[in-house]
Structures are given as C-alpha cells and as structure tokens.
Amino acid sequence: MLEFLAAALIGLGTVFFVAGTVGLLRFPDIFCRLHALTKADGLGLALIALGVALLADGAGEVFRIALIWFFVAVAGATCGHLIASYARRVKAEADDD
C-alpha cells in the first residue's frame, strides 16, 4: 500500500512538471511563463520528494531528500526572481528608447 501511495505521489508530481512545461511553451510573455514554471515545478518537486521519501529506508535518507528539496526550491525561487527582475529592467529600458 505504501508503494502505491508513493507511486501516486510521484506520478502526480510528474503531471505538475508536465503542466509547468506546457505553461512555459504556451503562455504569451515571460512573466506568465515564469509564474507557471516556478509554481508548477515547485509543487511537482514537493510531491515527488514526498513520494520518494515514503520509499526511503531510514531517517538519514529522508533528511537528504528534504535537504535536496529545500535547496532546489530556494534555487528555483531565486532564479525566478532574478529572471523576472532582469526582464523588467530590460522592458523598462526598451520603453525609454
């Protein structure tokens, strides 16, 4: 039963990753694309990490999975902020010309 729940969480996380990718390809501007990508990938990663943590053998493995999830989530948020900040600055410079 635990393996079924873990597989369901991993599958649902994969669906969110695919939805984020579709949003990246389909939305009209960089801000919409970035929003879809960061939100869907953040939730997808959390679901996959939870599913994998359910299959882990010990507390050490669960801790490492949580640590990987934390660092990837922080990196994703930071990169998203930097990309949006740069895009806004470039757009403002283009409007001034």
C-alpha atoms as a PDB file:
ATOM      1  CA  MET A   1       0.000   0.000   0.000  1.00  0.00           C
ATOM      2  CA  LEU A   2       2.882   2.365   0.806  1.00  0.00           C
ATOM      3  CA  GLU A   3       4.438   1.720  -2.595  1.00  0.00           C
ATOM      4  CA  PHE A   4       1.122   2.537  -4.285  1.00  0.00           C
ATOM      5  CA  LEU A   5       0.846   5.847  -2.408  1.00  0.00           C
ATOM      6  CA  ALA A   6       4.460   6.711  -3.251  1.00  0.00           C
ATOM      7  CA  ALA A   7       3.889   5.882  -6.928  1.00  0.00           C
ATOM      8  CA  ALA A   8       0.729   8.019  -6.950  1.00  0.00           C
ATOM      9  CA  LEU A   9       2.601  10.980  -5.437  1.00  0.00           C
ATOM     10  CA  ILE A  10       5.475  10.607  -7.896  1.00  0.00           C
ATOM     11  CA  GLY A  11       3.017  10.350 -10.803  1.00  0.00           C
ATOM     12  CA  LEU A  12       1.093  13.422  -9.624  1.00  0.00           C
ATOM     13  CA  GLY A  13       4.364  15.333  -9.275  1.00  0.00           C
ATOM     14  CA  THR A  14       5.262  14.379 -12.822  1.00  0.00           C
ATOM     15  CA  VAL A  15       1.897  15.705 -14.022  1.00  0.00           C
ATOM     16  CA  PHE A  16       2.696  19.061 -12.402  1.00  0.00           C
ATOM     17  CA  PHE A  17       6.111  19.125 -14.099  1.00  0.00           C
ATOM     18  CA  VAL A  18       4.442  18.483 -17.464  1.00  0.00           C
ATOM     19  CA  ALA A  19       1.843  21.192 -16.763  1.00  0.00           C
ATOM     20  CA  GLY A  20       4.622  23.662 -15.960  1.00  0.00           C
ATOM     21  CA  THR A  21       6.385  22.773 -19.192  1.00  0.00           C
ATOM     22  CA  VAL A  22       3.177  23.269 -21.173  1.00  0.00           C
ATOM     23  CA  GLY A  23       2.743  26.653 -19.485  1.00  0.00           C
ATOM     24  CA  LEU A  24       6.313  27.558 -20.376  1.00  0.00           C
ATOM     25  CA  LEU A  25       5.643  26.763 -24.022  1.00  0.00           C
ATOM     26  CA  ARG A  26       2.128  28.193 -24.342  1.00  0.00           C
ATOM     27  CA  PHE A  27       1.905  31.406 -22.278  1.00  0.00           C
ATOM     28  CA  PRO A  28       2.403  34.719 -24.093  1.00  0.00           C
ATOM     29  CA  ASP A  29       5.011  36.637 -22.064  1.00  0.00           C
ATOM     30  CA  ILE A  30       7.968  35.909 -19.841  1.00  0.00           C
ATOM     31  CA  PHE A  31       6.193  36.752 -16.592  1.00  0.00           C
ATOM     32  CA  CYS A  32       3.305  34.336 -17.214  1.00  0.00           C
ATOM     33  CA  ARG A  33       5.730  31.657 -18.343  1.00  0.00           C
ATOM     34  CA  LEU A  34       7.932  32.148 -15.322  1.00  0.00           C
ATOM     35  CA  HIS A  35       4.968  32.033 -12.954  1.00  0.00           C
ATOM     36  CA  ALA A  36       3.649  28.800 -14.464  1.00  0.00           C
ATOM     37  CA  LEU A  37       7.062  27.197 -14.434  1.00  0.00           C
ATOM     38  CA  THR A  38       8.071  28.087 -10.870  1.00  0.00           C
ATOM     39  CA  LYS A  39       4.732  27.274  -9.254  1.00  0.00           C
ATOM     40  CA  ALA A  40       4.078  24.000 -11.042  1.00  0.00           C
ATOM     41  CA  ASP A  41       7.664  22.793 -10.722  1.00  0.00           C
ATOM     42  CA  GLY A  42       7.766  23.694  -7.031  1.00  0.00           C
ATOM     43  CA  LEU A  43       4.678  21.638  -6.292  1.00  0.00           C
ATOM     44  CA  GLY A  44       5.802  18.842  -8.603  1.00  0.00           C
ATOM     45  CA  LEU A  45       9.152  18.622  -6.855  1.00  0.00           C
ATOM     46  CA  ALA A  46       7.494  18.574  -3.431  1.00  0.00           C
ATOM     47  CA  LEU A  47       5.181  15.728  -4.447  1.00  0.00           C
ATOM     48  CA  ILE A  48       7.992  13.712  -5.986  1.00  0.00           C
ATOM     49  CA  ALA A  49      10.227  14.263  -2.954  1.00  0.00           C
ATOM     50  CA  LEU A  50       7.407  13.167  -0.654  1.00  0.00           C
ATOM     51  CA  GLY A  51       6.804  10.059  -2.734  1.00  0.00           C
ATOM     52  CA  VAL A  52      10.486   9.155  -2.758  1.00  0.00           C
ATOM     53  CA  ALA A  53      10.746   9.860   0.984  1.00  0.00           C
ATOM     54  CA  LEU A  54       7.987   7.317   1.589  1.00  0.00           C
ATOM     55  CA  LEU A  55      10.155   4.707  -0.114  1.00  0.00           C
ATOM     56  CA  ALA A  56      13.329   5.651   1.798  1.00  0.00           C
ATOM     57  CA  ASP A  57      14.902   3.143   4.170  1.00  0.00           C
ATOM     58  CA  GLY A  58      15.912   5.409   7.021  1.00  0.00           C
ATOM     59  CA  ALA A  59      15.756   8.838   8.566  1.00  0.00           C
ATOM     60  CA  GLY A  60      19.094   9.785   7.015  1.00  0.00           C
ATOM     61  CA  GLU A  61      17.752   9.254   3.509  1.00  0.00           C
ATOM     62  CA  VAL A  62      14.597  11.207   4.300  1.00  0.00           C
ATOM     63  CA  PHE A  63      16.741  14.053   5.635  1.00  0.00           C
ATOM     64  CA  ARG A  64      18.850  14.109   2.473  1.00  0.00           C
ATOM     65  CA  ILE A  65      15.719  14.113   0.284  1.00  0.00           C
ATOM     66  CA  ALA A  66      14.285  17.006   2.314  1.00  0.00           C
ATOM     67  CA  LEU A  67      17.604  18.853   2.060  1.00  0.00           C
ATOM     68  CA  ILE A  68      17.702  18.388  -1.720  1.00  0.00           C
ATOM     69  CA  TRP A  69      14.096  19.582  -1.973  1.00  0.00           C
ATOM     70  CA  PHE A  70      14.892  22.656   0.143  1.00  0.00           C
ATOM     71  CA  PHE A  71      17.947  23.679  -1.876  1.00  0.00           C
ATOM     72  CA  VAL A  72      16.236  23.147  -5.229  1.00  0.00           C
ATOM     73  CA  ALA A  73      13.183  25.118  -4.037  1.00  0.00           C
ATOM     74  CA  VAL A  74      15.365  28.010  -2.853  1.00  0.00           C
ATOM     75  CA  ALA A  75      17.390  27.939  -6.078  1.00  0.00           C
ATOM     76  CA  GLY A  76      14.219  27.905  -8.194  1.00  0.00           C
ATOM     77  CA  ALA A  77      12.708  30.850  -6.338  1.00  0.00           C
ATOM     78  CA  THR A  78      15.949  32.801  -6.515  1.00  0.00           C
ATOM     79  CA  CYS A  79      16.425  32.137 -10.236  1.00  0.00           C
ATOM     80  CA  GLY A  80      12.805  33.038 -10.945  1.00  0.00           C
ATOM     81  CA  HIS A  81      13.216  36.319  -9.089  1.00  0.00           C
ATOM     82  CA  LEU A  82      16.450  37.143 -10.919  1.00  0.00           C
ATOM     83  CA  ILE A  83      14.962  36.366 -14.333  1.00  0.00           C
ATOM     84  CA  ALA A  84      11.842  38.450 -13.641  1.00  0.00           C
ATOM     85  CA  SER A  85      13.941  41.321 -12.313  1.00  0.00           C
ATOM     86  CA  TYR A  86      16.154  41.274 -15.408  1.00  0.00           C
ATOM     87  CA  ALA A  87      13.164  41.063 -17.761  1.00  0.00           C
ATOM     88  CA  ARG A  88      11.507  44.009 -16.036  1.00  0.00           C
ATOM     89  CA  ARG A  89      14.698  46.072 -16.270  1.00  0.00           C
ATOM     90  CA  VAL A  90      15.135  45.258 -19.972  1.00  0.00           C
ATOM     91  CA  LYS A  91      11.496  46.122 -20.660  1.00  0.00           C
ATOM     92  CA  ALA A  92      11.855  49.461 -18.854  1.00  0.00           C
ATOM     93  CA  GLU A  93      14.992  50.283 -20.862  1.00  0.00           C
ATOM     94  CA  ALA A  94      13.216  49.387 -24.096  1.00  0.00           C
ATOM     95  CA  ASP A  95      10.289  51.643 -23.184  1.00  0.00           C
ATOM     96  CA  ASP A  96      12.660  54.559 -22.544  1.00  0.00           C
ATOM     97  CA  ASP A  97      14.147  54.347 -26.057  1.00  0.00           C
END
